[in-house]
Amino acid sequence: KSMFAGIKQLKDEGKIKTVTVLLNSSNAIQLDFLKADYGIDACMWIGGVGATGINSVAKILSGEINPSGRLVDTFLYDNYSSPAMENFRTQVYGEAEKYKLNNWQKNYVVYQEGIYVGYRYYETRYYDFVNGKGNTAGYDYNAEVAYPFGFGKSYTEFSYSDFEILPDGTDYKVKLTVNNDGDVAGKETVQIYASKPYTDYDIANGIEKAAVELVGFTKTSEIAAHSSKTVEISVKKDSFKSYDAYKSKGYILDEGDYYLTAARDSHQAANNILAVKEGKSVVDG
């Protein structure tokens, strides 16, 4: 905190113009410091850069390289906003001393949260909040999620058009056009998310379904400014199944409407589905 405060002072004095925070970590870390008044202009996750990766980071920051990567996790302002954290507290075997277990052997974690971890939890809770369902009254997605799963920035702007879903043998093929609407050449990571019907049978039998789920993705080759490219993404039909752990004890396929959407991240996908499936006009994040 003292380091951020010192940098903020230098910025206020006009000695530096902008502040960019680089997250040099292999794991997603809590980003509560972005809410504080430190004058931070941008934040970029660079992972573990190794011996030479930092050279590419410098080229991205200078504009020599146009970034096209996407986050593989949800970055939060408070990691303890996830219910799964309640079970992540270390448990100790009661007979650890009897069996002479060391510190690595005697500890364990209880996994009770099922599929509702990461974006599957946050997007589903948001989806239910918008629809007024479940224990979600007063939920504020933007207060908890700093950057959604799949999020990424570019020095240009992309849009999608000509979205098609075509049978492809035992699977489906999603075909769409990616348009580079900006003035800089770049690559785009296209993500396909599925949304399944949530039926009375699912509710009665405790079947877990996320509001949206990533089922396919691809990255385009470089697209010149004001140009377009068509991409095709294969989606397995198995992606539409859900596991019935309590009644049939196997995978099931509910009767109802299934949706596929192309999106730039999981939150945009949730909003796309809300707009088409639920008729909700949502402008959020």
C-alpha atoms as a PDB file:
ATOM      1  CA  LYS A   1       0.000   0.000   0.000  1.00  0.00           C
ATOM      2  CA  SER A   2       2.802   2.394   0.827  1.00  0.00           C
ATOM      3  CA  MET A   3       4.344   1.750  -2.602  1.00  0.00           C
ATOM      4  CA  PHE A   4       1.051   2.538  -4.359  1.00  0.00           C
ATOM      5  CA  ALA A   5       0.619   5.651  -2.220  1.00  0.00           C
ATOM      6  CA  GLY A   6       4.109   6.829  -3.170  1.00  0.00           C
ATOM      7  CA  ILE A   7       3.438   6.293  -6.878  1.00  0.00           C
ATOM      8  CA  LYS A   8       0.115   8.121  -6.551  1.00  0.00           C
ATOM      9  CA  GLN A   9       1.953  11.078  -5.019  1.00  0.00           C
ATOM     10  CA  LEU A  10       4.402  11.167  -7.938  1.00  0.00           C
ATOM     11  CA  LYS A  11       1.476  11.112 -10.358  1.00  0.00           C
ATOM     12  CA  ASP A  12      -0.293  13.928  -8.501  1.00  0.00           C
ATOM     13  CA  GLU A  13       2.913  15.972  -8.672  1.00  0.00           C
ATOM     14  CA  GLY A  14       3.062  15.471 -12.442  1.00  0.00           C
ATOM     15  CA  LYS A  15       6.290  13.467 -12.337  1.00  0.00           C
ATOM     16  CA  ILE A  16       4.638  10.448 -13.983  1.00  0.00           C
ATOM     17  CA  LYS A  17       1.657  10.401 -16.345  1.00  0.00           C
ATOM     18  CA  THR A  18       0.145   6.934 -16.071  1.00  0.00           C
ATOM     19  CA  VAL A  19       0.310   3.930 -13.747  1.00  0.00           C
ATOM     20  CA  THR A  20       0.070   0.382 -15.112  1.00  0.00           C
ATOM     21  CA  VAL A  21       0.158  -2.564 -12.711  1.00  0.00           C
ATOM     22  CA  LEU A  22       1.659  -5.824 -14.017  1.00  0.00           C
ATOM     23  CA  LEU A  23       0.475  -8.998 -12.285  1.00  0.00           C
ATOM     24  CA  ASN A  24       3.583 -11.182 -12.390  1.00  0.00           C
ATOM     25  CA  SER A  25       1.862 -14.239 -10.916  1.00  0.00           C
ATOM     26  CA  SER A  26       0.916 -17.651 -12.269  1.00  0.00           C
ATOM     27  CA  ASN A  27      -2.309 -17.589 -10.234  1.00  0.00           C
ATOM     28  CA  ALA A  28      -5.230 -15.188 -10.106  1.00  0.00           C
ATOM     29  CA  ILE A  29      -4.694 -12.774  -7.216  1.00  0.00           C
ATOM     30  CA  GLN A  30      -7.090 -10.531  -5.304  1.00  0.00           C
ATOM     31  CA  LEU A  31      -7.381  -7.093  -6.902  1.00  0.00           C
ATOM     32  CA  ASP A  32      -8.853  -5.044  -4.051  1.00  0.00           C
ATOM     33  CA  PHE A  33      -6.118  -2.435  -4.518  1.00  0.00           C
ATOM     34  CA  LEU A  34      -7.739  -1.398  -7.815  1.00  0.00           C
ATOM     35  CA  LYS A  35     -10.665   0.031  -5.839  1.00  0.00           C
ATOM     36  CA  ALA A  36      -8.433   2.275  -3.749  1.00  0.00           C
ATOM     37  CA  ASP A  37      -7.536   5.775  -4.897  1.00  0.00           C
ATOM     38  CA  TYR A  38      -4.036   5.022  -6.146  1.00  0.00           C
ATOM     39  CA  GLY A  39      -4.421   6.570  -9.588  1.00  0.00           C
ATOM     40  CA  ILE A  40      -4.022   3.215 -11.363  1.00  0.00           C
ATOM     41  CA  ASP A  41      -4.822   3.539 -15.065  1.00  0.00           C
ATOM     42  CA  ALA A  42      -4.434  -0.062 -16.219  1.00  0.00           C
ATOM     43  CA  CYS A  43      -3.770  -3.560 -14.942  1.00  0.00           C
ATOM     44  CA  MET A  44      -2.349  -6.434 -16.970  1.00  0.00           C
ATOM     45  CA  TRP A  45      -1.815 -10.052 -15.997  1.00  0.00           C
ATOM     46  CA  ILE A  46       1.475 -11.274 -17.460  1.00  0.00           C
ATOM     47  CA  GLY A  47       1.752 -14.646 -15.696  1.00  0.00           C
ATOM     48  CA  GLY A  48       5.169 -16.186 -15.137  1.00  0.00           C
ATOM     49  CA  VAL A  49       7.293 -14.556 -17.821  1.00  0.00           C
ATOM     50  CA  GLY A  50      10.443 -16.637 -17.356  1.00  0.00           C
ATOM     51  CA  ALA A  51      13.774 -15.371 -18.663  1.00  0.00           C
ATOM     52  CA  THR A  52      12.630 -13.573 -21.825  1.00  0.00           C
ATOM     53  CA  GLY A  53       8.856 -13.174 -21.623  1.00  0.00           C
ATOM     54  CA  ILE A  54       9.182  -9.695 -20.143  1.00  0.00           C
ATOM     55  CA  ASN A  55      10.541  -8.531 -23.531  1.00  0.00           C
ATOM     56  CA  SER A  56       7.140  -9.235 -25.088  1.00  0.00           C
ATOM     57  CA  VAL A  57       5.406  -7.450 -22.221  1.00  0.00           C
ATOM     58  CA  ALA A  58       7.440  -4.329 -23.026  1.00  0.00           C
ATOM     59  CA  LYS A  59       6.450  -4.609 -26.690  1.00  0.00           C
ATOM     60  CA  ILE A  60       2.768  -4.879 -25.723  1.00  0.00           C
ATOM     61  CA  LEU A  61       2.947  -1.825 -23.463  1.00  0.00           C
ATOM     62  CA  SER A  62       4.728   0.199 -26.146  1.00  0.00           C
ATOM     63  CA  GLY A  63       2.183  -0.799 -28.798  1.00  0.00           C
ATOM     64  CA  GLU A  64       4.612  -2.791 -30.913  1.00  0.00           C
ATOM     65  CA  ILE A  65       2.548  -5.926 -30.250  1.00  0.00           C
ATOM     66  CA  ASN A  66      -1.245  -5.924 -30.201  1.00  0.00           C
ATOM     67  CA  PRO A  67      -2.322  -8.302 -27.374  1.00  0.00           C
ATOM     68  CA  SER A  68      -4.899 -11.009 -28.016  1.00  0.00           C
ATOM     69  CA  GLY A  69      -4.719 -13.242 -24.936  1.00  0.00           C
ATOM     70  CA  ARG A  70      -7.643 -13.908 -22.608  1.00  0.00           C
ATOM     71  CA  LEU A  71      -7.909 -14.585 -18.881  1.00  0.00           C
ATOM     72  CA  VAL A  72      -8.308 -18.230 -17.907  1.00  0.00           C
ATOM     73  CA  ASP A  73      -9.781 -17.385 -14.509  1.00  0.00           C
ATOM     74  CA  THR A  74     -12.067 -14.855 -12.840  1.00  0.00           C
ATOM     75  CA  PHE A  75     -10.165 -12.061 -11.083  1.00  0.00           C
ATOM     76  CA  LEU A  76     -11.930 -10.787  -7.956  1.00  0.00           C
ATOM     77  CA  TYR A  77     -11.778  -7.792  -5.663  1.00  0.00           C
ATOM     78  CA  ASP A  78     -12.266 -10.169  -2.731  1.00  0.00           C
ATOM     79  CA  ASN A  79     -11.392 -13.851  -3.099  1.00  0.00           C
ATOM     80  CA  TYR A  80     -13.568 -14.660  -0.091  1.00  0.00           C
ATOM     81  CA  SER A  81     -16.664 -13.614  -2.048  1.00  0.00           C
ATOM     82  CA  SER A  82     -16.598 -17.161  -3.441  1.00  0.00           C
ATOM     83  CA  PRO A  83     -18.589 -19.630  -1.276  1.00  0.00           C
ATOM     84  CA  ALA A  84     -15.972 -22.267  -2.132  1.00  0.00           C
ATOM     85  CA  MET A  85     -13.514 -20.415   0.108  1.00  0.00           C
ATOM     86  CA  GLU A  86     -15.510 -21.546   3.154  1.00  0.00           C
ATOM     87  CA  ASN A  87     -14.332 -25.087   2.457  1.00  0.00           C
ATOM     88  CA  PHE A  88     -10.804 -24.086   1.562  1.00  0.00           C
ATOM     89  CA  ARG A  89      -9.846 -23.594   5.184  1.00  0.00           C
ATOM     90  CA  THR A  90      -7.404 -26.303   6.194  1.00  0.00           C
ATOM     91  CA  GLN A  91      -8.918 -29.324   7.936  1.00  0.00           C
ATOM     92  CA  VAL A  92      -6.811 -31.723  10.026  1.00  0.00           C
ATOM     93  CA  TYR A  93      -7.336 -35.471  10.273  1.00  0.00           C
ATOM     94  CA  GLY A  94      -8.419 -36.360  13.789  1.00  0.00           C
ATOM     95  CA  GLU A  95      -6.036 -39.330  13.952  1.00  0.00           C
ATOM     96  CA  ALA A  96      -3.048 -37.521  12.433  1.00  0.00           C
ATOM     97  CA  GLU A  97      -0.896 -38.095  15.512  1.00  0.00           C
ATOM     98  CA  LYS A  98      -1.876 -41.778  15.756  1.00  0.00           C
ATOM     99  CA  TYR A  99      -0.636 -42.427  12.219  1.00  0.00           C
ATOM    100  CA  LYS A 100       2.319 -40.051  12.609  1.00  0.00           C
ATOM    101  CA  LEU A 101       1.309 -37.916   9.639  1.00  0.00           C
ATOM    102  CA  ASN A 102       3.506 -34.946   8.803  1.00  0.00           C
ATOM    103  CA  ASN A 103       2.242 -31.423   8.077  1.00  0.00           C
ATOM    104  CA  TRP A 104       1.663 -32.236   4.401  1.00  0.00           C
ATOM    105  CA  GLN A 105      -0.190 -35.497   5.079  1.00  0.00           C
ATOM    106  CA  LYS A 106      -2.466 -34.456   7.939  1.00  0.00           C
ATOM    107  CA  ASN A 107      -4.250 -31.577   6.206  1.00  0.00           C
ATOM    108  CA  TYR A 108      -7.150 -31.902   3.784  1.00  0.00           C
ATOM    109  CA  VAL A 109      -9.760 -29.771   2.020  1.00  0.00           C
ATOM    110  CA  VAL A 110     -13.478 -30.525   1.674  1.00  0.00           C
ATOM    111  CA  TYR A 111     -14.912 -30.068  -1.812  1.00  0.00           C
ATOM    112  CA  GLN A 112     -18.663 -29.392  -1.564  1.00  0.00           C
ATOM    113  CA  GLU A 113     -19.273 -26.632  -4.087  1.00  0.00           C
ATOM    114  CA  GLY A 114     -19.827 -28.871  -7.134  1.00  0.00           C
ATOM    115  CA  ILE A 115     -19.540 -27.057 -10.460  1.00  0.00           C
ATOM    116  CA  TYR A 116     -20.176 -23.602  -8.989  1.00  0.00           C
ATOM    117  CA  VAL A 117     -16.624 -22.317  -8.873  1.00  0.00           C
ATOM    118  CA  GLY A 118     -15.002 -19.526 -10.870  1.00  0.00           C
ATOM    119  CA  TYR A 119     -17.092 -18.000 -13.630  1.00  0.00           C
ATOM    120  CA  ARG A 120     -19.749 -20.731 -13.324  1.00  0.00           C
ATOM    121  CA  TYR A 121     -20.630 -19.369  -9.891  1.00  0.00           C
ATOM    122  CA  TYR A 122     -20.400 -15.630 -10.576  1.00  0.00           C
ATOM    123  CA  GLU A 123     -22.232 -15.649 -13.911  1.00  0.00           C
ATOM    124  CA  THR A 124     -24.965 -17.961 -12.588  1.00  0.00           C
ATOM    125  CA  ARG A 125     -25.510 -15.798  -9.509  1.00  0.00           C
ATOM    126  CA  TYR A 126     -25.638 -12.705 -11.727  1.00  0.00           C
ATOM    127  CA  TYR A 127     -28.047 -14.423 -14.112  1.00  0.00           C
ATOM    128  CA  ASP A 128     -30.363 -15.369 -11.239  1.00  0.00           C
ATOM    129  CA  PHE A 129     -30.166 -11.844  -9.811  1.00  0.00           C
ATOM    130  CA  VAL A 130     -31.266 -10.272 -13.095  1.00  0.00           C
ATOM    131  CA  ASN A 131     -34.159 -12.761 -13.255  1.00  0.00           C
ATOM    132  CA  GLY A 132     -35.080 -12.247  -9.592  1.00  0.00           C
ATOM    133  CA  LYS A 133     -34.461 -15.879  -8.673  1.00  0.00           C
ATOM    134  CA  GLY A 134     -32.823 -17.556  -5.707  1.00  0.00           C
ATOM    135  CA  ASN A 135     -31.147 -15.869  -2.781  1.00  0.00           C
ATOM    136  CA  THR A 136     -29.669 -13.079  -4.905  1.00  0.00           C
ATOM    137  CA  ALA A 137     -31.431  -9.902  -3.745  1.00  0.00           C
ATOM    138  CA  GLY A 138     -29.020  -6.966  -3.742  1.00  0.00           C
ATOM    139  CA  TYR A 139     -26.267  -8.891  -5.517  1.00  0.00           C
ATOM    140  CA  ASP A 140     -23.697  -6.585  -7.154  1.00  0.00           C
ATOM    141  CA  TYR A 141     -21.626  -8.433  -9.749  1.00  0.00           C
ATOM    142  CA  ASN A 142     -19.360  -5.466 -10.448  1.00  0.00           C
ATOM    143  CA  ALA A 143     -18.550  -5.094  -6.748  1.00  0.00           C
ATOM    144  CA  GLU A 144     -17.114  -8.620  -6.679  1.00  0.00           C
ATOM    145  CA  VAL A 145     -15.700  -9.306 -10.145  1.00  0.00           C
ATOM    146  CA  ALA A 146     -12.798  -7.164 -11.342  1.00  0.00           C
ATOM    147  CA  TYR A 147     -12.281  -9.018 -14.643  1.00  0.00           C
ATOM    148  CA  PRO A 148     -14.444 -11.926 -15.872  1.00  0.00           C
ATOM    149  CA  PHE A 149     -13.202 -15.223 -17.238  1.00  0.00           C
ATOM    150  CA  GLY A 150     -12.149 -14.819 -20.875  1.00  0.00           C
ATOM    151  CA  PHE A 151     -11.563 -11.069 -20.571  1.00  0.00           C
ATOM    152  CA  GLY A 152      -8.871  -9.423 -22.683  1.00  0.00           C
ATOM    153  CA  LYS A 153      -8.000  -6.094 -24.264  1.00  0.00           C
ATOM    154  CA  SER A 154      -6.781  -5.055 -27.691  1.00  0.00           C
ATOM    155  CA  TYR A 155      -5.545  -1.891 -29.390  1.00  0.00           C
ATOM    156  CA  THR A 156      -8.331  -2.292 -31.922  1.00  0.00           C
ATOM    157  CA  GLU A 157     -12.072  -2.997 -31.824  1.00  0.00           C
ATOM    158  CA  PHE A 158     -13.716  -6.174 -33.080  1.00  0.00           C
ATOM    159  CA  SER A 159     -17.320  -7.014 -33.852  1.00  0.00           C
ATOM    160  CA  TYR A 160     -19.036 -10.236 -34.931  1.00  0.00           C
ATOM    161  CA  SER A 161     -21.570 -10.836 -37.696  1.00  0.00           C
ATOM    162  CA  ASP A 162     -23.141 -13.609 -39.821  1.00  0.00           C
ATOM    163  CA  PHE A 163     -23.487 -15.972 -36.846  1.00  0.00           C
ATOM    164  CA  GLU A 164     -24.548 -19.494 -37.927  1.00  0.00           C
ATOM    165  CA  ILE A 165     -24.934 -22.867 -36.214  1.00  0.00           C
ATOM    166  CA  LEU A 166     -24.609 -25.783 -38.627  1.00  0.00           C
ATOM    167  CA  PRO A 167     -24.870 -29.575 -38.121  1.00  0.00           C
ATOM    168  CA  ASP A 168     -21.438 -31.171 -38.415  1.00  0.00           C
ATOM    169  CA  GLY A 169     -21.759 -34.929 -38.207  1.00  0.00           C
ATOM    170  CA  THR A 170     -22.123 -35.818 -34.542  1.00  0.00           C
ATOM    171  CA  ASP A 171     -21.307 -32.248 -33.485  1.00  0.00           C
ATOM    172  CA  TYR A 172     -22.179 -28.653 -34.376  1.00  0.00           C
ATOM    173  CA  LYS A 173     -20.161 -26.076 -36.246  1.00  0.00           C
ATOM    174  CA  VAL A 174     -20.421 -22.429 -35.272  1.00  0.00           C
ATOM    175  CA  LYS A 175     -19.528 -20.108 -38.113  1.00  0.00           C
ATOM    176  CA  LEU A 176     -19.193 -16.327 -37.853  1.00  0.00           C
ATOM    177  CA  THR A 177     -17.407 -13.332 -39.312  1.00  0.00           C
ATOM    178  CA  VAL A 178     -14.931 -11.370 -37.174  1.00  0.00           C
ATOM    179  CA  ASN A 179     -14.666  -7.724 -38.205  1.00  0.00           C
ATOM    180  CA  ASN A 180     -11.738  -5.508 -37.266  1.00  0.00           C
ATOM    181  CA  ASP A 181     -13.466  -2.130 -36.958  1.00  0.00           C
ATOM    182  CA  GLY A 182     -10.393  -0.261 -35.716  1.00  0.00           C
ATOM    183  CA  ASP A 183      -7.257   1.213 -37.227  1.00  0.00           C
ATOM    184  CA  VAL A 184      -4.746  -1.388 -35.975  1.00  0.00           C
ATOM    185  CA  ALA A 185      -4.180  -4.960 -37.172  1.00  0.00           C
ATOM    186  CA  GLY A 186      -4.845  -7.599 -34.536  1.00  0.00           C
ATOM    187  CA  LYS A 187      -5.994 -11.087 -33.608  1.00  0.00           C
ATOM    188  CA  GLU A 188      -9.243 -11.908 -31.857  1.00  0.00           C
ATOM    189  CA  THR A 189     -10.021 -14.791 -29.500  1.00  0.00           C
ATOM    190  CA  VAL A 190     -13.589 -15.906 -30.202  1.00  0.00           C
ATOM    191  CA  GLN A 191     -15.337 -17.794 -27.400  1.00  0.00           C
ATOM    192  CA  ILE A 192     -18.496 -19.890 -27.715  1.00  0.00           C
ATOM    193  CA  TYR A 193     -20.691 -20.375 -24.653  1.00  0.00           C
ATOM    194  CA  ALA A 194     -23.688 -22.667 -24.184  1.00  0.00           C
ATOM    195  CA  SER A 195     -26.795 -22.163 -22.068  1.00  0.00           C
ATOM    196  CA  LYS A 196     -29.004 -25.126 -21.150  1.00  0.00           C
ATOM    197  CA  PRO A 197     -32.643 -25.262 -20.021  1.00  0.00           C
ATOM    198  CA  TYR A 198     -33.064 -25.440 -16.235  1.00  0.00           C
ATOM    199  CA  THR A 199     -36.144 -27.586 -15.700  1.00  0.00           C
ATOM    200  CA  ASP A 200     -38.379 -28.617 -12.797  1.00  0.00           C
ATOM    201  CA  TYR A 201     -36.690 -32.020 -12.964  1.00  0.00           C
ATOM    202  CA  ASP A 202     -33.303 -30.346 -12.479  1.00  0.00           C
ATOM    203  CA  ILE A 203     -34.542 -28.405  -9.472  1.00  0.00           C
ATOM    204  CA  ALA A 204     -36.178 -31.451  -7.875  1.00  0.00           C
ATOM    205  CA  ASN A 205     -33.070 -33.597  -8.320  1.00  0.00           C
ATOM    206  CA  GLY A 206     -30.317 -31.116  -7.515  1.00  0.00           C
ATOM    207  CA  ILE A 207     -28.803 -31.045 -10.993  1.00  0.00           C
ATOM    208  CA  GLU A 208     -26.152 -28.382 -11.347  1.00  0.00           C
ATOM    209  CA  LYS A 209     -26.108 -26.158 -14.435  1.00  0.00           C
ATOM    210  CA  ALA A 210     -24.195 -22.950 -14.969  1.00  0.00           C
ATOM    211  CA  ALA A 211     -25.962 -20.029 -16.659  1.00  0.00           C
ATOM    212  CA  VAL A 212     -23.275 -20.116 -19.352  1.00  0.00           C
ATOM    213  CA  GLU A 213     -20.455 -22.539 -20.031  1.00  0.00           C
ATOM    214  CA  LEU A 214     -17.497 -22.290 -22.394  1.00  0.00           C
ATOM    215  CA  VAL A 215     -17.811 -25.008 -25.050  1.00  0.00           C
ATOM    216  CA  GLY A 216     -15.363 -23.865 -27.723  1.00  0.00           C
ATOM    217  CA  PHE A 217     -12.938 -21.163 -28.779  1.00  0.00           C
ATOM    218  CA  THR A 218     -10.442 -20.198 -31.443  1.00  0.00           C
ATOM    219  CA  LYS A 219      -8.060 -17.369 -32.245  1.00  0.00           C
ATOM    220  CA  THR A 220      -8.039 -15.731 -35.646  1.00  0.00           C
ATOM    221  CA  SER A 221      -4.933 -15.083 -37.653  1.00  0.00           C
ATOM    222  CA  GLU A 222      -4.044 -11.403 -37.876  1.00  0.00           C
ATOM    223  CA  ILE A 223      -6.846  -9.303 -39.312  1.00  0.00           C
ATOM    224  CA  ALA A 224      -5.875  -6.054 -41.016  1.00  0.00           C
ATOM    225  CA  ALA A 225      -7.601  -2.835 -40.002  1.00  0.00           C
ATOM    226  CA  HIS A 226     -11.115  -2.512 -41.445  1.00  0.00           C
ATOM    227  CA  SER A 227     -11.007  -6.114 -42.697  1.00  0.00           C
ATOM    228  CA  SER A 228     -12.822  -9.324 -41.784  1.00  0.00           C
ATOM    229  CA  LYS A 229     -12.211 -13.052 -41.492  1.00  0.00           C
ATOM    230  CA  THR A 230     -14.563 -15.994 -41.112  1.00  0.00           C
ATOM    231  CA  VAL A 231     -13.933 -18.557 -38.385  1.00  0.00           C
ATOM    232  CA  GLU A 232     -15.442 -21.965 -37.649  1.00  0.00           C
ATOM    233  CA  ILE A 233     -15.567 -23.496 -34.172  1.00  0.00           C
ATOM    234  CA  SER A 234     -16.585 -27.086 -33.471  1.00  0.00           C
ATOM    235  CA  VAL A 235     -18.897 -27.689 -30.505  1.00  0.00           C
ATOM    236  CA  LYS A 236     -19.328 -31.223 -29.194  1.00  0.00           C
ATOM    237  CA  LYS A 237     -22.918 -32.370 -28.730  1.00  0.00           C
ATOM    238  CA  ASP A 238     -21.791 -33.863 -25.433  1.00  0.00           C
ATOM    239  CA  SER A 239     -21.345 -30.282 -24.215  1.00  0.00           C
ATOM    240  CA  PHE A 240     -25.127 -30.034 -23.812  1.00  0.00           C
ATOM    241  CA  LYS A 241     -25.385 -32.945 -21.384  1.00  0.00           C
ATOM    242  CA  SER A 242     -25.591 -32.535 -17.608  1.00  0.00           C
ATOM    243  CA  TYR A 243     -24.752 -35.008 -14.862  1.00  0.00           C
ATOM    244  CA  ASP A 244     -27.598 -36.346 -12.758  1.00  0.00           C
ATOM    245  CA  ALA A 245     -25.807 -37.495  -9.624  1.00  0.00           C
ATOM    246  CA  TYR A 246     -28.815 -38.434  -7.496  1.00  0.00           C
ATOM    247  CA  LYS A 247     -31.570 -39.999  -9.602  1.00  0.00           C
ATOM    248  CA  SER A 248     -30.414 -41.483 -12.907  1.00  0.00           C
ATOM    249  CA  LYS A 249     -26.750 -41.370 -11.818  1.00  0.00           C
ATOM    250  CA  GLY A 250     -25.647 -40.588 -15.344  1.00  0.00           C
ATOM    251  CA  TYR A 251     -25.638 -37.898 -18.012  1.00  0.00           C
ATOM    252  CA  ILE A 252     -28.983 -36.531 -19.153  1.00  0.00           C
ATOM    253  CA  LEU A 253     -30.252 -34.238 -21.889  1.00  0.00           C
ATOM    254  CA  ASP A 254     -33.295 -32.234 -20.795  1.00  0.00           C
ATOM    255  CA  GLU A 255     -36.064 -31.317 -23.187  1.00  0.00           C
ATOM    256  CA  GLY A 256     -36.051 -27.602 -23.934  1.00  0.00           C
ATOM    257  CA  ASP A 257     -34.231 -24.829 -25.759  1.00  0.00           C
ATOM    258  CA  TYR A 258     -30.444 -24.759 -25.894  1.00  0.00           C
ATOM    259  CA  TYR A 259     -28.499 -21.643 -26.825  1.00  0.00           C
ATOM    260  CA  LEU A 260     -25.036 -20.913 -28.191  1.00  0.00           C
ATOM    261  CA  THR A 261     -23.520 -17.441 -28.207  1.00  0.00           C
ATOM    262  CA  ALA A 262     -20.240 -15.940 -29.331  1.00  0.00           C
ATOM    263  CA  ALA A 263     -18.734 -13.592 -26.764  1.00  0.00           C
ATOM    264  CA  ARG A 264     -15.495 -11.899 -25.731  1.00  0.00           C
ATOM    265  CA  ASP A 265     -15.780 -13.139 -22.122  1.00  0.00           C
ATOM    266  CA  SER A 266     -18.113 -15.052 -19.806  1.00  0.00           C
ATOM    267  CA  HIS A 267     -19.971 -11.957 -18.628  1.00  0.00           C
ATOM    268  CA  GLN A 268     -20.759 -10.776 -22.126  1.00  0.00           C
ATOM    269  CA  ALA A 269     -21.993 -14.299 -22.808  1.00  0.00           C
ATOM    270  CA  ALA A 270     -24.342 -14.143 -19.807  1.00  0.00           C
ATOM    271  CA  ASN A 271     -25.734 -10.811 -20.997  1.00  0.00           C
ATOM    272  CA  ASN A 272     -26.167 -12.159 -24.539  1.00  0.00           C
ATOM    273  CA  ILE A 273     -28.203 -15.092 -23.223  1.00  0.00           C
ATOM    274  CA  LEU A 274     -30.245 -12.844 -20.930  1.00  0.00           C
ATOM    275  CA  ALA A 275     -31.135 -10.665 -23.914  1.00  0.00           C
ATOM    276  CA  VAL A 276     -32.159 -13.500 -26.238  1.00  0.00           C
ATOM    277  CA  LYS A 277     -33.498 -16.151 -23.861  1.00  0.00           C
ATOM    278  CA  GLU A 278     -35.064 -13.985 -21.171  1.00  0.00           C
ATOM    279  CA  GLY A 279     -35.761 -10.780 -23.087  1.00  0.00           C
ATOM    280  CA  LYS A 280     -33.682  -8.789 -20.592  1.00  0.00           C
ATOM    281  CA  SER A 281     -32.016  -5.670 -21.952  1.00  0.00           C
ATOM    282  CA  VAL A 282     -28.953  -5.563 -19.721  1.00  0.00           C
ATOM    283  CA  VAL A 283     -26.084  -3.119 -19.975  1.00  0.00           C
ATOM    284  CA  ASP A 284     -23.536  -4.283 -17.461  1.00  0.00           C
ATOM    285  CA  GLY A 285     -19.733  -4.395 -17.588  1.00  0.00           C
END
